[in-house]
């Protein structure tokens, strides 16, 4: 898993569940916004999602 070497180098938190964080968060946004029409799926949402994912994976 690519996150283990990154965690050892101190680039990611060792306790971070990246599958839960990244896969579920990305598919959640996609599912609700695109497939169900909950809200628009646009560049602003994509930027916010990327910022959220990057921020959540950084070391505390």
PDB file of N, CA and C in Angstrom:
ATOM      1  N   UNK A   1       0.849  -1.176   0.000  1.00  0.00           N
ATOM      2  CA  UNK A   1       0.000   0.000   0.000  1.00  0.00           C
ATOM      3  C   UNK A   1       0.895   1.239   0.000  1.00  0.00           C
ATOM      4  N   UNK A   2       0.694   2.165  -0.902  1.00  0.00           N
ATOM      5  CA  UNK A   2       1.570   3.328  -1.012  1.00  0.00           C
ATOM      6  C   UNK A   2       1.585   4.211   0.225  1.00  0.00           C
ATOM      7  N   UNK A   3       0.542   4.180   1.037  1.00  0.00           N
ATOM      8  CA  UNK A   3       0.498   5.060   2.197  1.00  0.00           C
ATOM      9  C   UNK A   3       1.468   4.632   3.291  1.00  0.00           C
ATOM     10  N   UNK A   4       1.828   3.358   3.363  1.00  0.00           N
ATOM     11  CA  UNK A   4       2.737   2.903   4.424  1.00  0.00           C
ATOM     12  C   UNK A   4       4.122   3.532   4.301  1.00  0.00           C
ATOM     13  N   UNK A   5       4.758   3.524   3.134  1.00  0.00           N
ATOM     14  CA  UNK A   5       6.050   4.213   3.036  1.00  0.00           C
ATOM     15  C   UNK A   5       5.928   5.714   3.316  1.00  0.00           C
ATOM     16  N   UNK A   6       4.861   6.325   2.861  1.00  0.00           N
ATOM     17  CA  UNK A   6       4.674   7.752   3.110  1.00  0.00           C
ATOM     18  C   UNK A   6       4.507   8.018   4.601  1.00  0.00           C
ATOM     19  N   UNK A   7       3.808   7.136   5.308  1.00  0.00           N
ATOM     20  CA  UNK A   7       3.653   7.287   6.761  1.00  0.00           C
ATOM     21  C   UNK A   7       4.991   7.117   7.460  1.00  0.00           C
ATOM     22  N   UNK A   8       5.792   6.158   7.015  1.00  0.00           N
ATOM     23  CA  UNK A   8       7.114   5.958   7.622  1.00  0.00           C
ATOM     24  C   UNK A   8       8.009   7.177   7.420  1.00  0.00           C
ATOM     25  N   UNK A   9       7.857   7.840   6.294  1.00  0.00           N
ATOM     26  CA  UNK A   9       8.659   9.048   6.033  1.00  0.00           C
ATOM     27  C   UNK A   9       8.103  10.265   6.759  1.00  0.00           C
ATOM     28  N   UNK A  10       6.953  10.122   7.384  1.00  0.00           N
ATOM     29  CA  UNK A  10       6.350  11.237   8.098  1.00  0.00           C
ATOM     30  C   UNK A  10       5.499  12.137   7.227  1.00  0.00           C
ATOM     31  N   UNK A  11       5.185  11.706   6.008  1.00  0.00           N
ATOM     32  CA  UNK A  11       4.376  12.516   5.102  1.00  0.00           C
ATOM     33  C   UNK A  11       2.882  12.362   5.370  1.00  0.00           C
ATOM     34  N   UNK A  12       2.499  11.234   5.927  1.00  0.00           N
ATOM     35  CA  UNK A  12       1.108  10.963   6.280  1.00  0.00           C
ATOM     36  C   UNK A  12       1.049  10.465   7.712  1.00  0.00           C
ATOM     37  N   UNK A  13      -0.088  10.659   8.344  1.00  0.00           N
ATOM     38  CA  UNK A  13      -0.270  10.118   9.677  1.00  0.00           C
ATOM     39  C   UNK A  13      -0.314   8.599   9.600  1.00  0.00           C
ATOM     40  N   UNK A  14       0.358   7.934  10.505  1.00  0.00           N
ATOM     41  CA  UNK A  14       0.423   6.468  10.489  1.00  0.00           C
ATOM     42  C   UNK A  14      -0.929   5.832  10.786  1.00  0.00           C
ATOM     43  N   UNK A  15      -1.776   6.512  11.535  1.00  0.00           N
ATOM     44  CA  UNK A  15      -3.064   5.940  11.926  1.00  0.00           C
ATOM     45  C   UNK A  15      -4.190   6.254  10.945  1.00  0.00           C
ATOM     46  N   UNK A  16      -3.887   6.911   9.863  1.00  0.00           N
ATOM     47  CA  UNK A  16      -4.910   7.341   8.910  1.00  0.00           C
ATOM     48  C   UNK A  16      -5.415   6.172   8.077  1.00  0.00           C
ATOM     49  N   UNK A  17      -6.718   5.993   8.022  1.00  0.00           N
ATOM     50  CA  UNK A  17      -7.350   4.978   7.177  1.00  0.00           C
ATOM     51  C   UNK A  17      -7.643   5.624   5.833  1.00  0.00           C
ATOM     52  N   UNK A  18      -6.712   5.496   4.906  1.00  0.00           N
ATOM     53  CA  UNK A  18      -6.853   6.198   3.630  1.00  0.00           C
ATOM     54  C   UNK A  18      -7.970   5.641   2.762  1.00  0.00           C
ATOM     55  N   UNK A  19      -8.258   4.352   2.879  1.00  0.00           N
ATOM     56  CA  UNK A  19      -9.380   3.802   2.115  1.00  0.00           C
ATOM     57  C   UNK A  19     -10.682   4.451   2.558  1.00  0.00           C
ATOM     58  N   UNK A  20     -10.879   4.519   3.853  1.00  0.00           N
ATOM     59  CA  UNK A  20     -12.094   5.130   4.367  1.00  0.00           C
ATOM     60  C   UNK A  20     -12.146   6.604   4.001  1.00  0.00           C
ATOM     61  N   UNK A  21     -11.063   7.279   4.221  1.00  0.00           N
ATOM     62  CA  UNK A  21     -11.026   8.711   3.976  1.00  0.00           C
ATOM     63  C   UNK A  21     -11.204   9.040   2.499  1.00  0.00           C
ATOM     64  N   UNK A  22     -10.360   8.508   1.679  1.00  0.00           N
ATOM     65  CA  UNK A  22     -10.342   8.914   0.271  1.00  0.00           C
ATOM     66  C   UNK A  22     -11.422   8.254  -0.555  1.00  0.00           C
ATOM     67  N   UNK A  23     -11.523   6.947  -0.491  1.00  0.00           N
ATOM     68  CA  UNK A  23     -12.494   6.252  -1.335  1.00  0.00           C
ATOM     69  C   UNK A  23     -13.911   6.644  -0.944  1.00  0.00           C
ATOM     70  N   UNK A  24     -14.224   6.560   0.347  1.00  0.00           N
ATOM     71  CA  UNK A  24     -15.586   6.862   0.779  1.00  0.00           C
ATOM     72  C   UNK A  24     -15.938   8.328   0.576  1.00  0.00           C
ATOM     73  N   UNK A  25     -15.006   9.216   0.843  1.00  0.00           N
ATOM     74  CA  UNK A  25     -15.303  10.638   0.686  1.00  0.00           C
ATOM     75  C   UNK A  25     -15.497  10.989  -0.788  1.00  0.00           C
ATOM     76  N   UNK A  26     -14.646  10.496  -1.640  1.00  0.00           N
ATOM     77  CA  UNK A  26     -14.770  10.803  -3.075  1.00  0.00           C
ATOM     78  C   UNK A  26     -16.056  10.208  -3.637  1.00  0.00           C
ATOM     79  N   UNK A  27     -16.319   8.937  -3.333  1.00  0.00           N
ATOM     80  CA  UNK A  27     -17.543   8.325  -3.857  1.00  0.00           C
ATOM     81  C   UNK A  27     -18.788   8.924  -3.238  1.00  0.00           C
ATOM     82  N   UNK A  28     -18.711   9.361  -1.981  1.00  0.00           N
ATOM     83  CA  UNK A  28     -19.858  10.015  -1.361  1.00  0.00           C
ATOM     84  C   UNK A  28     -20.228  11.295  -2.085  1.00  0.00           C
ATOM     85  N   UNK A  29     -19.233  12.113  -2.364  1.00  0.00           N
ATOM     86  CA  UNK A  29     -19.489  13.357  -3.099  1.00  0.00           C
ATOM     87  C   UNK A  29     -20.026  13.033  -4.490  1.00  0.00           C
ATOM     88  N   UNK A  30     -19.399  12.097  -5.167  1.00  0.00           N
ATOM     89  CA  UNK A  30     -19.843  11.738  -6.513  1.00  0.00           C
ATOM     90  C   UNK A  30     -21.283  11.214  -6.485  1.00  0.00           C
ATOM     91  N   UNK A  31     -21.547  10.297  -5.581  1.00  0.00           N
ATOM     92  CA  UNK A  31     -22.863   9.661  -5.510  1.00  0.00           C
ATOM     93  C   UNK A  31     -23.966  10.690  -5.270  1.00  0.00           C
ATOM     94  N   UNK A  32     -23.792  11.486  -4.258  1.00  0.00           N
ATOM     95  CA  UNK A  32     -24.859  12.421  -3.901  1.00  0.00           C
ATOM     96  C   UNK A  32     -24.982  13.593  -4.873  1.00  0.00           C
ATOM     97  N   UNK A  33     -23.900  14.069  -5.365  1.00  0.00           N
ATOM     98  CA  UNK A  33     -23.976  15.252  -6.225  1.00  0.00           C
ATOM     99  C   UNK A  33     -24.262  14.901  -7.677  1.00  0.00           C
ATOM    100  N   UNK A  34     -23.634  13.869  -8.193  1.00  0.00           N
ATOM    101  CA  UNK A  34     -23.794  13.536  -9.609  1.00  0.00           C
ATOM    102  C   UNK A  34     -24.966  12.587  -9.846  1.00  0.00           C
ATOM    103  N   UNK A  35     -24.939  11.478  -9.174  1.00  0.00           N
ATOM    104  CA  UNK A  35     -25.954  10.467  -9.451  1.00  0.00           C
ATOM    105  C   UNK A  35     -27.331  10.817  -8.900  1.00  0.00           C
ATOM    106  N   UNK A  36     -27.391  11.423  -7.707  1.00  0.00           N
ATOM    107  CA  UNK A  36     -28.679  11.736  -7.112  1.00  0.00           C
ATOM    108  C   UNK A  36     -29.117  13.172  -7.342  1.00  0.00           C
ATOM    109  N   UNK A  37     -28.225  13.996  -7.891  1.00  0.00           N
ATOM    110  CA  UNK A  37     -28.571  15.379  -8.161  1.00  0.00           C
ATOM    111  C   UNK A  37     -28.757  16.216  -6.909  1.00  0.00           C
ATOM    112  N   UNK A  38     -28.140  15.812  -5.819  1.00  0.00           N
ATOM    113  CA  UNK A  38     -28.245  16.515  -4.537  1.00  0.00           C
ATOM    114  C   UNK A  38     -27.794  17.972  -4.652  1.00  0.00           C
ATOM    115  N   UNK A  39     -26.694  18.190  -5.357  1.00  0.00           N
ATOM    116  CA  UNK A  39     -26.125  19.519  -5.538  1.00  0.00           C
ATOM    117  C   UNK A  39     -25.200  19.450  -6.747  1.00  0.00           C
ATOM    118  N   UNK A  40     -24.772  20.592  -7.259  1.00  0.00           N
ATOM    119  CA  UNK A  40     -23.907  20.564  -8.440  1.00  0.00           C
ATOM    120  C   UNK A  40     -22.545  19.931  -8.161  1.00  0.00           C
ATOM    121  N   UNK A  41     -21.996  19.335  -9.161  1.00  0.00           N
ATOM    122  CA  UNK A  41     -20.637  18.787  -9.115  1.00  0.00           C
ATOM    123  C   UNK A  41     -19.831  19.628 -10.100  1.00  0.00           C
ATOM    124  N   UNK A  42     -19.050  20.577  -9.552  1.00  0.00           N
ATOM    125  CA  UNK A  42     -18.342  21.524 -10.405  1.00  0.00           C
ATOM    126  C   UNK A  42     -16.902  21.709  -9.916  1.00  0.00           C
ATOM    127  N   UNK A  43     -16.204  22.649 -10.507  1.00  0.00           N
ATOM    128  CA  UNK A  43     -14.803  22.882 -10.145  1.00  0.00           C
ATOM    129  C   UNK A  43     -14.633  23.300  -8.687  1.00  0.00           C
ATOM    130  N   UNK A  44     -15.563  24.074  -8.177  1.00  0.00           N
ATOM    131  CA  UNK A  44     -15.483  24.522  -6.783  1.00  0.00           C
ATOM    132  C   UNK A  44     -15.576  23.335  -5.831  1.00  0.00           C
ATOM    133  N   UNK A  45     -16.492  22.439  -6.104  1.00  0.00           N
ATOM    134  CA  UNK A  45     -16.653  21.238  -5.283  1.00  0.00           C
ATOM    135  C   UNK A  45     -15.410  20.360  -5.397  1.00  0.00           C
ATOM    136  N   UNK A  46     -14.896  20.200  -6.597  1.00  0.00           N
ATOM    137  CA  UNK A  46     -13.695  19.389  -6.794  1.00  0.00           C
ATOM    138  C   UNK A  46     -12.504  19.972  -6.036  1.00  0.00           C
ATOM    139  N   UNK A  47     -12.341  21.282  -6.074  1.00  0.00           N
ATOM    140  CA  UNK A  47     -11.253  21.933  -5.334  1.00  0.00           C
ATOM    141  C   UNK A  47     -11.425  21.754  -3.830  1.00  0.00           C
ATOM    142  N   UNK A  48     -12.638  21.919  -3.342  1.00  0.00           N
ATOM    143  CA  UNK A  48     -12.898  21.740  -1.911  1.00  0.00           C
ATOM    144  C   UNK A  48     -12.640  20.306  -1.475  1.00  0.00           C
ATOM    145  N   UNK A  49     -13.043  19.355  -2.288  1.00  0.00           N
ATOM    146  CA  UNK A  49     -12.811  17.944  -1.974  1.00  0.00           C
ATOM    147  C   UNK A  49     -11.317  17.646  -1.941  1.00  0.00           C
ATOM    148  N   UNK A  50     -10.587  18.130  -2.919  1.00  0.00           N
ATOM    149  CA  UNK A  50      -9.134  17.911  -2.950  1.00  0.00           C
ATOM    150  C   UNK A  50      -8.458  18.532  -1.735  1.00  0.00           C
ATOM    151  N   UNK A  51      -8.853  19.748  -1.382  1.00  0.00           N
ATOM    152  CA  UNK A  51      -8.293  20.400  -0.194  1.00  0.00           C
ATOM    153  C   UNK A  51      -8.598  19.605   1.071  1.00  0.00           C
ATOM    154  N   UNK A  52      -9.803  19.091   1.152  1.00  0.00           N
ATOM    155  CA  UNK A  52     -10.207  18.309   2.310  1.00  0.00           C
ATOM    156  C   UNK A  52      -9.398  17.018   2.424  1.00  0.00           C
ATOM    157  N   UNK A  53      -9.211  16.341   1.302  1.00  0.00           N
ATOM    158  CA  UNK A  53      -8.452  15.087   1.306  1.00  0.00           C
ATOM    159  C   UNK A  53      -6.992  15.322   1.659  1.00  0.00           C
ATOM    160  N   UNK A  54      -6.397  16.332   1.076  1.00  0.00           N
ATOM    161  CA  UNK A  54      -4.985  16.622   1.344  1.00  0.00           C
ATOM    162  C   UNK A  54      -4.811  17.053   2.795  1.00  0.00           C
ATOM    163  N   UNK A  55      -5.696  17.899   3.278  1.00  0.00           N
ATOM    164  CA  UNK A  55      -5.600  18.366   4.651  1.00  0.00           C
ATOM    165  C   UNK A  55      -5.782  17.250   5.664  1.00  0.00           C
ATOM    166  N   UNK A  56      -6.651  16.316   5.372  1.00  0.00           N
ATOM    167  CA  UNK A  56      -6.938  15.219   6.306  1.00  0.00           C
ATOM    168  C   UNK A  56      -5.804  14.195   6.359  1.00  0.00           C
ATOM    169  N   UNK A  57      -4.998  14.118   5.323  1.00  0.00           N
ATOM    170  CA  UNK A  57      -3.934  13.119   5.312  1.00  0.00           C
ATOM    171  C   UNK A  57      -2.624  13.640   5.860  1.00  0.00           C
ATOM    172  N   UNK A  58      -2.545  14.924   6.097  1.00  0.00           N
ATOM    173  CA  UNK A  58      -1.293  15.490   6.636  1.00  0.00           C
ATOM    174  C   UNK A  58      -1.102  15.074   8.071  1.00  0.00           C
ATOM    175  N   UNK A  59       0.140  15.061   8.470  1.00  0.00           N
ATOM    176  CA  UNK A  59       0.474  14.726   9.859  1.00  0.00           C
ATOM    177  C   UNK A  59      -0.125  15.737  10.807  1.00  0.00           C
ATOM    178  N   UNK A  60      -0.527  15.251  11.926  1.00  0.00           N
ATOM    179  CA  UNK A  60      -1.091  16.142  12.958  1.00  0.00           C
ATOM    180  C   UNK A  60       0.027  16.882  13.660  1.00  0.00           C
TER     181      UNK A  60
END
